[in-house]
């Protein structure tokens, strides 16, 4: 027996309408075509599906079995078709984000909180890109957006500018370097540098200052949480370099000093790396816009 979705829709329509004429109108076909369809289906099944002597027209026992199938299957089919329609319209989808910037978790969470209110049908997830190669994962469609400060020329990938930030030196107010107007590479030689647990090539203080100047700190201490880094710095257990949006509050505290790196400062830019084909998705554009707005809020504080 060759059963199609249209057959299930027919069984359901006739049951709900109680006759061929109204069911044909609902299905937008002629009554003759509907009768022919039912006859063909009954010939395939080898049994009657309707009791034609009754008014309104009622289903036979076999017809009711098909009705139960229709009531199970058709809602799932309609839901799937609706999902496909939403995908085409950019109303639903997946937003799996990889972050190559450890401190970005604190900046990104308010962005995602605002995003989910408008795009509750988009599946959102965050993966720390420091644990794997985020940009190759983007190309392989394992993730959908990578937050990075290191743009590359990759086929099929677009790097969208998010915002600029400064890498800022942070020390205890009692630290000897607190008296300096800015910090140079050589100043780190005798210091314990407190960093996130990240490869040094991905840390601004190394990539932008210490590695080019061939300077090595006296010691490096890796700490997972920003709050703990700041606690250790305030206790004069070491110094750190953090993005300016992370230290927006401590710069007003008497326990800390913040200083630029070098006289001119070290400015970096964050990007959203996205597959080029996904750039026109409405939820992708909105997430990027929200990220920029949130960054302006943080830097205004």
C-alpha atoms as a PDB file:
ATOM      1  CA  UNK A   1       0.000   0.000   0.000  1.00  0.00           C
ATOM      2  CA  UNK A   2       1.408   3.371  -1.087  1.00  0.00           C
ATOM      3  CA  UNK A   3       0.417   5.892   1.578  1.00  0.00           C
ATOM      4  CA  UNK A   4       1.106   9.604   1.093  1.00  0.00           C
ATOM      5  CA  UNK A   5       0.724  12.644   3.330  1.00  0.00           C
ATOM      6  CA  UNK A   6      -2.158  13.834   1.111  1.00  0.00           C
ATOM      7  CA  UNK A   7      -4.050  10.639   1.909  1.00  0.00           C
ATOM      8  CA  UNK A   8      -3.720  11.315   5.630  1.00  0.00           C
ATOM      9  CA  UNK A   9      -4.844  14.900   5.139  1.00  0.00           C
ATOM     10  CA  UNK A  10      -7.856  13.630   3.169  1.00  0.00           C
ATOM     11  CA  UNK A  11      -8.911  11.168   5.876  1.00  0.00           C
ATOM     12  CA  UNK A  12      -8.620  13.880   8.522  1.00  0.00           C
ATOM     13  CA  UNK A  13     -10.503  16.486   6.479  1.00  0.00           C
ATOM     14  CA  UNK A  14     -13.451  14.208   5.680  1.00  0.00           C
ATOM     15  CA  UNK A  15     -13.708  13.148   9.317  1.00  0.00           C
ATOM     16  CA  UNK A  16     -13.697  16.761  10.517  1.00  0.00           C
ATOM     17  CA  UNK A  17     -16.056  18.047   7.799  1.00  0.00           C
ATOM     18  CA  UNK A  18     -18.488  15.111   7.783  1.00  0.00           C
ATOM     19  CA  UNK A  19     -18.781  14.948   3.992  1.00  0.00           C
ATOM     20  CA  UNK A  20     -16.988  15.147   0.662  1.00  0.00           C
ATOM     21  CA  UNK A  21     -18.196  18.590  -0.445  1.00  0.00           C
ATOM     22  CA  UNK A  22     -16.927  20.523   2.579  1.00  0.00           C
ATOM     23  CA  UNK A  23     -13.733  18.442   2.750  1.00  0.00           C
ATOM     24  CA  UNK A  24     -13.005  19.150  -0.919  1.00  0.00           C
ATOM     25  CA  UNK A  25     -13.374  22.888  -0.256  1.00  0.00           C
ATOM     26  CA  UNK A  26     -11.022  22.642   2.729  1.00  0.00           C
ATOM     27  CA  UNK A  27      -8.431  20.733   0.682  1.00  0.00           C
ATOM     28  CA  UNK A  28      -8.908  23.050  -2.301  1.00  0.00           C
ATOM     29  CA  UNK A  29      -9.663  20.238  -4.772  1.00  0.00           C
ATOM     30  CA  UNK A  30     -12.814  19.194  -6.628  1.00  0.00           C
ATOM     31  CA  UNK A  31     -15.267  16.766  -5.074  1.00  0.00           C
ATOM     32  CA  UNK A  32     -14.735  14.435  -8.051  1.00  0.00           C
ATOM     33  CA  UNK A  33     -10.972  14.403  -7.505  1.00  0.00           C
ATOM     34  CA  UNK A  34     -11.478  13.715  -3.804  1.00  0.00           C
ATOM     35  CA  UNK A  35     -13.831  10.791  -4.519  1.00  0.00           C
ATOM     36  CA  UNK A  36     -11.315   9.376  -6.990  1.00  0.00           C
ATOM     37  CA  UNK A  37      -8.532   9.663  -4.392  1.00  0.00           C
ATOM     38  CA  UNK A  38     -10.571   7.828  -1.748  1.00  0.00           C
ATOM     39  CA  UNK A  39     -11.526   5.065  -4.218  1.00  0.00           C
ATOM     40  CA  UNK A  40      -7.861   4.579  -5.167  1.00  0.00           C
ATOM     41  CA  UNK A  41      -6.811   4.439  -1.509  1.00  0.00           C
ATOM     42  CA  UNK A  42      -9.523   1.889  -0.667  1.00  0.00           C
ATOM     43  CA  UNK A  43      -8.496  -0.238  -3.656  1.00  0.00           C
ATOM     44  CA  UNK A  44      -4.922  -0.266  -2.345  1.00  0.00           C
ATOM     45  CA  UNK A  45      -5.990  -1.072   1.213  1.00  0.00           C
ATOM     46  CA  UNK A  46      -8.514  -3.708   0.150  1.00  0.00           C
ATOM     47  CA  UNK A  47     -11.034  -2.435   2.703  1.00  0.00           C
ATOM     48  CA  UNK A  48     -13.598   0.355   2.938  1.00  0.00           C
ATOM     49  CA  UNK A  49     -12.387   3.388   4.830  1.00  0.00           C
ATOM     50  CA  UNK A  50     -15.773   5.141   5.095  1.00  0.00           C
ATOM     51  CA  UNK A  51     -19.332   4.091   5.879  1.00  0.00           C
ATOM     52  CA  UNK A  52     -21.101   5.852   3.022  1.00  0.00           C
ATOM     53  CA  UNK A  53     -24.631   4.974   4.142  1.00  0.00           C
ATOM     54  CA  UNK A  54     -24.335   7.210   7.180  1.00  0.00           C
ATOM     55  CA  UNK A  55     -24.888  10.949   7.307  1.00  0.00           C
ATOM     56  CA  UNK A  56     -22.651  12.629   8.120  1.00  0.00           C
ATOM     57  CA  UNK A  57     -20.119  10.381   6.385  1.00  0.00           C
ATOM     58  CA  UNK A  58     -18.212   8.393   9.027  1.00  0.00           C
ATOM     59  CA  UNK A  59     -15.021   6.407   9.110  1.00  0.00           C
ATOM     60  CA  UNK A  60     -14.926   2.647   9.216  1.00  0.00           C
ATOM     61  CA  UNK A  61     -12.725   0.806  11.737  1.00  0.00           C
ATOM     62  CA  UNK A  62      -9.918   0.779   9.158  1.00  0.00           C
ATOM     63  CA  UNK A  63     -10.514   4.471   8.460  1.00  0.00           C
ATOM     64  CA  UNK A  64     -10.148   5.280  12.154  1.00  0.00           C
ATOM     65  CA  UNK A  65      -6.781   3.550  12.211  1.00  0.00           C
ATOM     66  CA  UNK A  66      -5.625   5.859   9.419  1.00  0.00           C
ATOM     67  CA  UNK A  67      -7.086   8.837  11.280  1.00  0.00           C
ATOM     68  CA  UNK A  68      -5.029   8.011  14.375  1.00  0.00           C
ATOM     69  CA  UNK A  69      -1.948   7.794  12.157  1.00  0.00           C
ATOM     70  CA  UNK A  70      -2.808  11.161  10.588  1.00  0.00           C
ATOM     71  CA  UNK A  71      -3.216  12.782  13.999  1.00  0.00           C
ATOM     72  CA  UNK A  72       0.228  11.510  15.005  1.00  0.00           C
ATOM     73  CA  UNK A  73       2.144  12.193  11.804  1.00  0.00           C
ATOM     74  CA  UNK A  74       0.680  15.385  10.345  1.00  0.00           C
ATOM     75  CA  UNK A  75       1.493  17.658  13.336  1.00  0.00           C
ATOM     76  CA  UNK A  76       5.110  16.466  13.179  1.00  0.00           C
ATOM     77  CA  UNK A  77       5.230  17.108   9.440  1.00  0.00           C
ATOM     78  CA  UNK A  78       3.770  20.588   9.868  1.00  0.00           C
ATOM     79  CA  UNK A  79       6.220  21.377  12.682  1.00  0.00           C
ATOM     80  CA  UNK A  80       9.142  20.274  10.519  1.00  0.00           C
ATOM     81  CA  UNK A  81       7.941  22.326   7.554  1.00  0.00           C
ATOM     82  CA  UNK A  82       7.566  25.318   9.878  1.00  0.00           C
ATOM     83  CA  UNK A  83      11.142  24.834  11.107  1.00  0.00           C
ATOM     84  CA  UNK A  84      12.397  24.762   7.522  1.00  0.00           C
ATOM     85  CA  UNK A  85      10.433  27.911   6.775  1.00  0.00           C
ATOM     86  CA  UNK A  86      11.931  29.634   9.819  1.00  0.00           C
ATOM     87  CA  UNK A  87      15.397  28.511   8.798  1.00  0.00           C
ATOM     88  CA  UNK A  88      14.906  30.035   5.354  1.00  0.00           C
ATOM     89  CA  UNK A  89      13.601  33.231   6.943  1.00  0.00           C
ATOM     90  CA  UNK A  90      16.484  33.344   9.429  1.00  0.00           C
ATOM     91  CA  UNK A  91      14.201  33.112  12.477  1.00  0.00           C
ATOM     92  CA  UNK A  92      15.760  29.974  13.914  1.00  0.00           C
ATOM     93  CA  UNK A  93      19.088  28.211  13.769  1.00  0.00           C
ATOM     94  CA  UNK A  94      22.237  27.545  15.777  1.00  0.00           C
ATOM     95  CA  UNK A  95      24.692  29.955  17.349  1.00  0.00           C
ATOM     96  CA  UNK A  96      27.617  28.032  18.797  1.00  0.00           C
ATOM     97  CA  UNK A  97      30.330  30.476  19.798  1.00  0.00           C
ATOM     98  CA  UNK A  98      34.027  29.852  20.399  1.00  0.00           C
ATOM     99  CA  UNK A  99      36.003  32.422  22.385  1.00  0.00           C
ATOM    100  CA  UNK A 100      39.732  32.871  21.901  1.00  0.00           C
ATOM    101  CA  UNK A 101      39.703  35.739  24.393  1.00  0.00           C
ATOM    102  CA  UNK A 102      39.546  34.363  27.952  1.00  0.00           C
ATOM    103  CA  UNK A 103      38.278  37.606  29.500  1.00  0.00           C
ATOM    104  CA  UNK A 104      35.493  37.840  26.905  1.00  0.00           C
ATOM    105  CA  UNK A 105      33.192  35.629  28.949  1.00  0.00           C
ATOM    106  CA  UNK A 106      32.425  38.582  31.225  1.00  0.00           C
ATOM    107  CA  UNK A 107      31.636  40.821  28.268  1.00  0.00           C
ATOM    108  CA  UNK A 108      29.705  38.248  26.237  1.00  0.00           C
ATOM    109  CA  UNK A 109      27.204  37.004  28.829  1.00  0.00           C
ATOM    110  CA  UNK A 110      25.154  40.263  28.890  1.00  0.00           C
ATOM    111  CA  UNK A 111      25.150  40.155  25.081  1.00  0.00           C
ATOM    112  CA  UNK A 112      23.697  36.642  25.044  1.00  0.00           C
ATOM    113  CA  UNK A 113      21.148  37.537  27.724  1.00  0.00           C
ATOM    114  CA  UNK A 114      19.791  40.298  25.468  1.00  0.00           C
ATOM    115  CA  UNK A 115      20.034  38.061  22.390  1.00  0.00           C
ATOM    116  CA  UNK A 116      17.982  35.182  23.783  1.00  0.00           C
ATOM    117  CA  UNK A 117      14.995  37.438  24.484  1.00  0.00           C
ATOM    118  CA  UNK A 118      14.544  38.148  20.767  1.00  0.00           C
ATOM    119  CA  UNK A 119      15.810  34.834  19.371  1.00  0.00           C
ATOM    120  CA  UNK A 120      14.551  32.139  21.739  1.00  0.00           C
ATOM    121  CA  UNK A 121      14.398  29.604  18.873  1.00  0.00           C
ATOM    122  CA  UNK A 122      18.132  29.908  18.202  1.00  0.00           C
ATOM    123  CA  UNK A 123      20.228  27.268  19.971  1.00  0.00           C
ATOM    124  CA  UNK A 124      23.065  29.105  21.751  1.00  0.00           C
ATOM    125  CA  UNK A 125      26.186  27.521  23.179  1.00  0.00           C
ATOM    126  CA  UNK A 126      29.647  28.789  24.174  1.00  0.00           C
ATOM    127  CA  UNK A 127      32.856  26.826  23.848  1.00  0.00           C
ATOM    128  CA  UNK A 128      36.206  28.152  25.082  1.00  0.00           C
ATOM    129  CA  UNK A 129      38.189  28.369  21.855  1.00  0.00           C
ATOM    130  CA  UNK A 130      41.414  28.160  23.801  1.00  0.00           C
ATOM    131  CA  UNK A 131      40.869  24.423  24.210  1.00  0.00           C
ATOM    132  CA  UNK A 132      40.834  23.680  20.450  1.00  0.00           C
ATOM    133  CA  UNK A 133      41.557  25.284  17.083  1.00  0.00           C
ATOM    134  CA  UNK A 134      38.553  27.564  16.840  1.00  0.00           C
ATOM    135  CA  UNK A 135      38.963  28.916  13.298  1.00  0.00           C
ATOM    136  CA  UNK A 136      39.341  25.485  11.649  1.00  0.00           C
ATOM    137  CA  UNK A 137      36.295  24.421  13.677  1.00  0.00           C
ATOM    138  CA  UNK A 138      34.418  27.389  12.202  1.00  0.00           C
ATOM    139  CA  UNK A 139      35.309  26.304   8.669  1.00  0.00           C
ATOM    140  CA  UNK A 140      34.166  22.753   9.440  1.00  0.00           C
ATOM    141  CA  UNK A 141      30.837  24.124  10.830  1.00  0.00           C
ATOM    142  CA  UNK A 142      31.520  22.776  14.311  1.00  0.00           C
ATOM    143  CA  UNK A 143      31.008  26.338  15.614  1.00  0.00           C
ATOM    144  CA  UNK A 144      29.266  29.330  14.054  1.00  0.00           C
ATOM    145  CA  UNK A 145      31.135  32.354  15.394  1.00  0.00           C
ATOM    146  CA  UNK A 146      34.622  32.857  16.827  1.00  0.00           C
ATOM    147  CA  UNK A 147      35.564  35.857  18.972  1.00  0.00           C
ATOM    148  CA  UNK A 148      39.204  36.586  18.197  1.00  0.00           C
ATOM    149  CA  UNK A 149      41.746  39.400  18.177  1.00  0.00           C
ATOM    150  CA  UNK A 150      43.849  37.750  15.472  1.00  0.00           C
ATOM    151  CA  UNK A 151      42.198  37.984  12.030  1.00  0.00           C
ATOM    152  CA  UNK A 152      43.445  35.653   9.316  1.00  0.00           C
ATOM    153  CA  UNK A 153      42.930  35.437   5.569  1.00  0.00           C
ATOM    154  CA  UNK A 154      40.768  32.312   5.435  1.00  0.00           C
ATOM    155  CA  UNK A 155      38.589  31.204   2.501  1.00  0.00           C
ATOM    156  CA  UNK A 156      34.892  31.433   3.280  1.00  0.00           C
ATOM    157  CA  UNK A 157      35.425  33.314   6.561  1.00  0.00           C
ATOM    158  CA  UNK A 158      34.611  36.980   7.208  1.00  0.00           C
ATOM    159  CA  UNK A 159      36.128  38.893  10.135  1.00  0.00           C
ATOM    160  CA  UNK A 160      33.755  41.580  11.394  1.00  0.00           C
ATOM    161  CA  UNK A 161      35.146  44.362  13.582  1.00  0.00           C
ATOM    162  CA  UNK A 162      33.532  44.484  17.015  1.00  0.00           C
ATOM    163  CA  UNK A 163      35.420  47.053  19.087  1.00  0.00           C
ATOM    164  CA  UNK A 164      38.849  48.296  20.107  1.00  0.00           C
ATOM    165  CA  UNK A 165      40.230  47.972  23.606  1.00  0.00           C
ATOM    166  CA  UNK A 166      43.431  48.750  25.461  1.00  0.00           C
ATOM    167  CA  UNK A 167      45.600  46.202  27.230  1.00  0.00           C
ATOM    168  CA  UNK A 168      46.119  47.748  30.675  1.00  0.00           C
ATOM    169  CA  UNK A 169      48.776  47.091  33.339  1.00  0.00           C
ATOM    170  CA  UNK A 170      47.271  46.451  36.789  1.00  0.00           C
ATOM    171  CA  UNK A 171      49.212  46.498  40.062  1.00  0.00           C
ATOM    172  CA  UNK A 172      48.708  47.100  43.744  1.00  0.00           C
ATOM    173  CA  UNK A 173      48.660  50.765  44.732  1.00  0.00           C
ATOM    174  CA  UNK A 174      51.660  49.945  46.955  1.00  0.00           C
ATOM    175  CA  UNK A 175      53.707  48.448  44.131  1.00  0.00           C
ATOM    176  CA  UNK A 176      56.888  50.347  43.136  1.00  0.00           C
ATOM    177  CA  UNK A 177      55.710  50.526  39.505  1.00  0.00           C
ATOM    178  CA  UNK A 178      52.627  52.451  40.648  1.00  0.00           C
ATOM    179  CA  UNK A 179      54.727  55.612  40.511  1.00  0.00           C
ATOM    180  CA  UNK A 180      55.352  55.277  36.753  1.00  0.00           C
ATOM    181  CA  UNK A 181      53.060  57.015  34.228  1.00  0.00           C
ATOM    182  CA  UNK A 182      53.330  54.053  31.838  1.00  0.00           C
ATOM    183  CA  UNK A 183      54.866  50.581  31.861  1.00  0.00           C
ATOM    184  CA  UNK A 184      57.579  49.327  29.513  1.00  0.00           C
ATOM    185  CA  UNK A 185      58.650  45.789  28.637  1.00  0.00           C
ATOM    186  CA  UNK A 186      61.772  45.982  30.818  1.00  0.00           C
ATOM    187  CA  UNK A 187      59.623  46.688  33.887  1.00  0.00           C
ATOM    188  CA  UNK A 188      58.367  43.071  33.851  1.00  0.00           C
ATOM    189  CA  UNK A 189      61.820  41.503  34.287  1.00  0.00           C
ATOM    190  CA  UNK A 190      61.653  41.358  38.058  1.00  0.00           C
ATOM    191  CA  UNK A 191      57.909  40.749  38.335  1.00  0.00           C
ATOM    192  CA  UNK A 192      55.546  37.826  38.847  1.00  0.00           C
ATOM    193  CA  UNK A 193      53.093  38.145  35.964  1.00  0.00           C
ATOM    194  CA  UNK A 194      49.616  36.788  36.745  1.00  0.00           C
ATOM    195  CA  UNK A 195      47.797  35.635  33.598  1.00  0.00           C
ATOM    196  CA  UNK A 196      44.915  33.496  32.461  1.00  0.00           C
ATOM    197  CA  UNK A 197      45.824  29.847  31.753  1.00  0.00           C
ATOM    198  CA  UNK A 198      46.418  30.575  28.075  1.00  0.00           C
ATOM    199  CA  UNK A 199      49.303  29.980  25.700  1.00  0.00           C
ATOM    200  CA  UNK A 200      51.494  33.091  25.936  1.00  0.00           C
ATOM    201  CA  UNK A 201      51.221  33.775  22.196  1.00  0.00           C
ATOM    202  CA  UNK A 202      47.513  34.487  22.769  1.00  0.00           C
ATOM    203  CA  UNK A 203      48.091  36.947  25.609  1.00  0.00           C
ATOM    204  CA  UNK A 204      48.362  40.610  24.597  1.00  0.00           C
ATOM    205  CA  UNK A 205      51.157  41.350  27.070  1.00  0.00           C
ATOM    206  CA  UNK A 206      53.348  38.731  25.392  1.00  0.00           C
ATOM    207  CA  UNK A 207      52.322  39.079  21.742  1.00  0.00           C
ATOM    208  CA  UNK A 208      52.338  42.877  21.724  1.00  0.00           C
ATOM    209  CA  UNK A 209      55.092  43.732  24.218  1.00  0.00           C
ATOM    210  CA  UNK A 210      57.270  41.087  25.836  1.00  0.00           C
ATOM    211  CA  UNK A 211      57.959  38.747  22.913  1.00  0.00           C
ATOM    212  CA  UNK A 212      58.941  41.564  20.490  1.00  0.00           C
ATOM    213  CA  UNK A 213      61.225  43.042  23.184  1.00  0.00           C
ATOM    214  CA  UNK A 214      62.565  39.598  24.198  1.00  0.00           C
ATOM    215  CA  UNK A 215      61.699  40.174  27.835  1.00  0.00           C
ATOM    216  CA  UNK A 216      60.843  37.368  30.243  1.00  0.00           C
ATOM    217  CA  UNK A 217      59.107  38.018  33.587  1.00  0.00           C
ATOM    218  CA  UNK A 218      60.726  36.668  36.737  1.00  0.00           C
ATOM    219  CA  UNK A 219      57.782  34.261  37.142  1.00  0.00           C
ATOM    220  CA  UNK A 220      54.387  33.511  35.613  1.00  0.00           C
ATOM    221  CA  UNK A 221      51.360  32.503  37.672  1.00  0.00           C
ATOM    222  CA  UNK A 222      48.280  31.280  35.843  1.00  0.00           C
ATOM    223  CA  UNK A 223      44.825  31.872  37.312  1.00  0.00           C
ATOM    224  CA  UNK A 224      41.452  30.953  35.822  1.00  0.00           C
ATOM    225  CA  UNK A 225      39.198  33.675  37.260  1.00  0.00           C
ATOM    226  CA  UNK A 226      39.498  37.436  36.795  1.00  0.00           C
ATOM    227  CA  UNK A 227      38.313  38.062  40.349  1.00  0.00           C
ATOM    228  CA  UNK A 228      41.144  35.913  41.719  1.00  0.00           C
ATOM    229  CA  UNK A 229      43.702  37.683  39.517  1.00  0.00           C
ATOM    230  CA  UNK A 230      42.577  41.017  40.931  1.00  0.00           C
ATOM    231  CA  UNK A 231      42.627  39.658  44.480  1.00  0.00           C
ATOM    232  CA  UNK A 232      46.233  38.515  44.071  1.00  0.00           C
ATOM    233  CA  UNK A 233      47.239  41.828  42.514  1.00  0.00           C
ATOM    234  CA  UNK A 234      45.647  43.786  45.358  1.00  0.00           C
ATOM    235  CA  UNK A 235      47.608  41.584  47.788  1.00  0.00           C
ATOM    236  CA  UNK A 236      50.820  42.543  45.960  1.00  0.00           C
ATOM    237  CA  UNK A 237      51.448  38.930  44.895  1.00  0.00           C
ATOM    238  CA  UNK A 238      52.161  39.981  41.335  1.00  0.00           C
ATOM    239  CA  UNK A 239      51.063  42.229  38.471  1.00  0.00           C
ATOM    240  CA  UNK A 240      48.778  41.601  35.533  1.00  0.00           C
ATOM    241  CA  UNK A 241      47.703  42.943  32.152  1.00  0.00           C
ATOM    242  CA  UNK A 242      43.969  42.880  31.402  1.00  0.00           C
ATOM    243  CA  UNK A 243      41.587  44.424  28.852  1.00  0.00           C
ATOM    244  CA  UNK A 244      40.361  47.865  29.849  1.00  0.00           C
ATOM    245  CA  UNK A 245      36.737  46.706  30.104  1.00  0.00           C
ATOM    246  CA  UNK A 246      37.757  44.168  32.773  1.00  0.00           C
ATOM    247  CA  UNK A 247      39.396  46.816  34.951  1.00  0.00           C
ATOM    248  CA  UNK A 248      36.690  49.437  34.447  1.00  0.00           C
ATOM    249  CA  UNK A 249      35.724  49.243  38.151  1.00  0.00           C
ATOM    250  CA  UNK A 250      39.077  48.656  39.849  1.00  0.00           C
ATOM    251  CA  UNK A 251      40.553  51.804  38.322  1.00  0.00           C
ATOM    252  CA  UNK A 252      38.429  53.723  40.839  1.00  0.00           C
ATOM    253  CA  UNK A 253      39.619  51.584  43.769  1.00  0.00           C
ATOM    254  CA  UNK A 254      42.360  52.794  46.093  1.00  0.00           C
ATOM    255  CA  UNK A 255      43.754  49.236  46.171  1.00  0.00           C
ATOM    256  CA  UNK A 256      44.900  49.283  42.534  1.00  0.00           C
ATOM    257  CA  UNK A 257      46.610  51.365  39.906  1.00  0.00           C
ATOM    258  CA  UNK A 258      46.123  50.932  36.176  1.00  0.00           C
ATOM    259  CA  UNK A 259      48.695  52.141  33.676  1.00  0.00           C
ATOM    260  CA  UNK A 260      49.036  52.020  29.889  1.00  0.00           C
ATOM    261  CA  UNK A 261      51.577  49.714  28.301  1.00  0.00           C
ATOM    262  CA  UNK A 262      54.218  51.996  26.745  1.00  0.00           C
ATOM    263  CA  UNK A 263      53.788  55.726  26.364  1.00  0.00           C
ATOM    264  CA  UNK A 264      51.410  55.313  23.411  1.00  0.00           C
ATOM    265  CA  UNK A 265      49.445  52.442  24.904  1.00  0.00           C
ATOM    266  CA  UNK A 266      48.661  49.054  23.329  1.00  0.00           C
ATOM    267  CA  UNK A 267      45.349  49.014  21.482  1.00  0.00           C
ATOM    268  CA  UNK A 268      43.835  45.793  20.212  1.00  0.00           C
ATOM    269  CA  UNK A 269      40.723  45.015  18.191  1.00  0.00           C
ATOM    270  CA  UNK A 270      38.252  42.203  18.717  1.00  0.00           C
ATOM    271  CA  UNK A 271      36.598  40.530  15.732  1.00  0.00           C
ATOM    272  CA  UNK A 272      33.730  38.163  15.155  1.00  0.00           C
ATOM    273  CA  UNK A 273      34.818  35.515  12.674  1.00  0.00           C
ATOM    274  CA  UNK A 274      31.801  34.170  10.791  1.00  0.00           C
ATOM    275  CA  UNK A 275      31.327  31.942   7.769  1.00  0.00           C
ATOM    276  CA  UNK A 276      30.688  34.340   4.904  1.00  0.00           C
ATOM    277  CA  UNK A 277      27.528  32.496   3.879  1.00  0.00           C
ATOM    278  CA  UNK A 278      26.027  33.145   7.348  1.00  0.00           C
ATOM    279  CA  UNK A 279      26.595  36.895   7.376  1.00  0.00           C
ATOM    280  CA  UNK A 280      23.092  37.675   6.062  1.00  0.00           C
ATOM    281  CA  UNK A 281      21.275  35.651   8.718  1.00  0.00           C
ATOM    282  CA  UNK A 282      19.191  38.119  10.762  1.00  0.00           C
ATOM    283  CA  UNK A 283      20.122  36.585  14.121  1.00  0.00           C
ATOM    284  CA  UNK A 284      23.815  36.692  13.223  1.00  0.00           C
ATOM    285  CA  UNK A 285      23.617  40.388  12.376  1.00  0.00           C
ATOM    286  CA  UNK A 286      21.734  41.147  15.596  1.00  0.00           C
ATOM    287  CA  UNK A 287      24.237  39.299  17.790  1.00  0.00           C
ATOM    288  CA  UNK A 288      27.084  41.313  16.276  1.00  0.00           C
ATOM    289  CA  UNK A 289      25.154  44.560  16.769  1.00  0.00           C
ATOM    290  CA  UNK A 290      24.408  43.678  20.398  1.00  0.00           C
ATOM    291  CA  UNK A 291      28.078  42.858  20.978  1.00  0.00           C
ATOM    292  CA  UNK A 292      29.094  46.305  19.768  1.00  0.00           C
ATOM    293  CA  UNK A 293      26.452  48.022  21.911  1.00  0.00           C
ATOM    294  CA  UNK A 294      27.491  46.133  25.047  1.00  0.00           C
ATOM    295  CA  UNK A 295      31.142  46.999  24.415  1.00  0.00           C
ATOM    296  CA  UNK A 296      30.296  50.704  24.219  1.00  0.00           C
ATOM    297  CA  UNK A 297      28.427  50.439  27.533  1.00  0.00           C
ATOM    298  CA  UNK A 298      31.410  48.841  29.258  1.00  0.00           C
ATOM    299  CA  UNK A 299      33.899  51.333  27.909  1.00  0.00           C
ATOM    300  CA  UNK A 300      31.705  54.253  28.908  1.00  0.00           C
ATOM    301  CA  UNK A 301      31.848  53.283  32.580  1.00  0.00           C
END
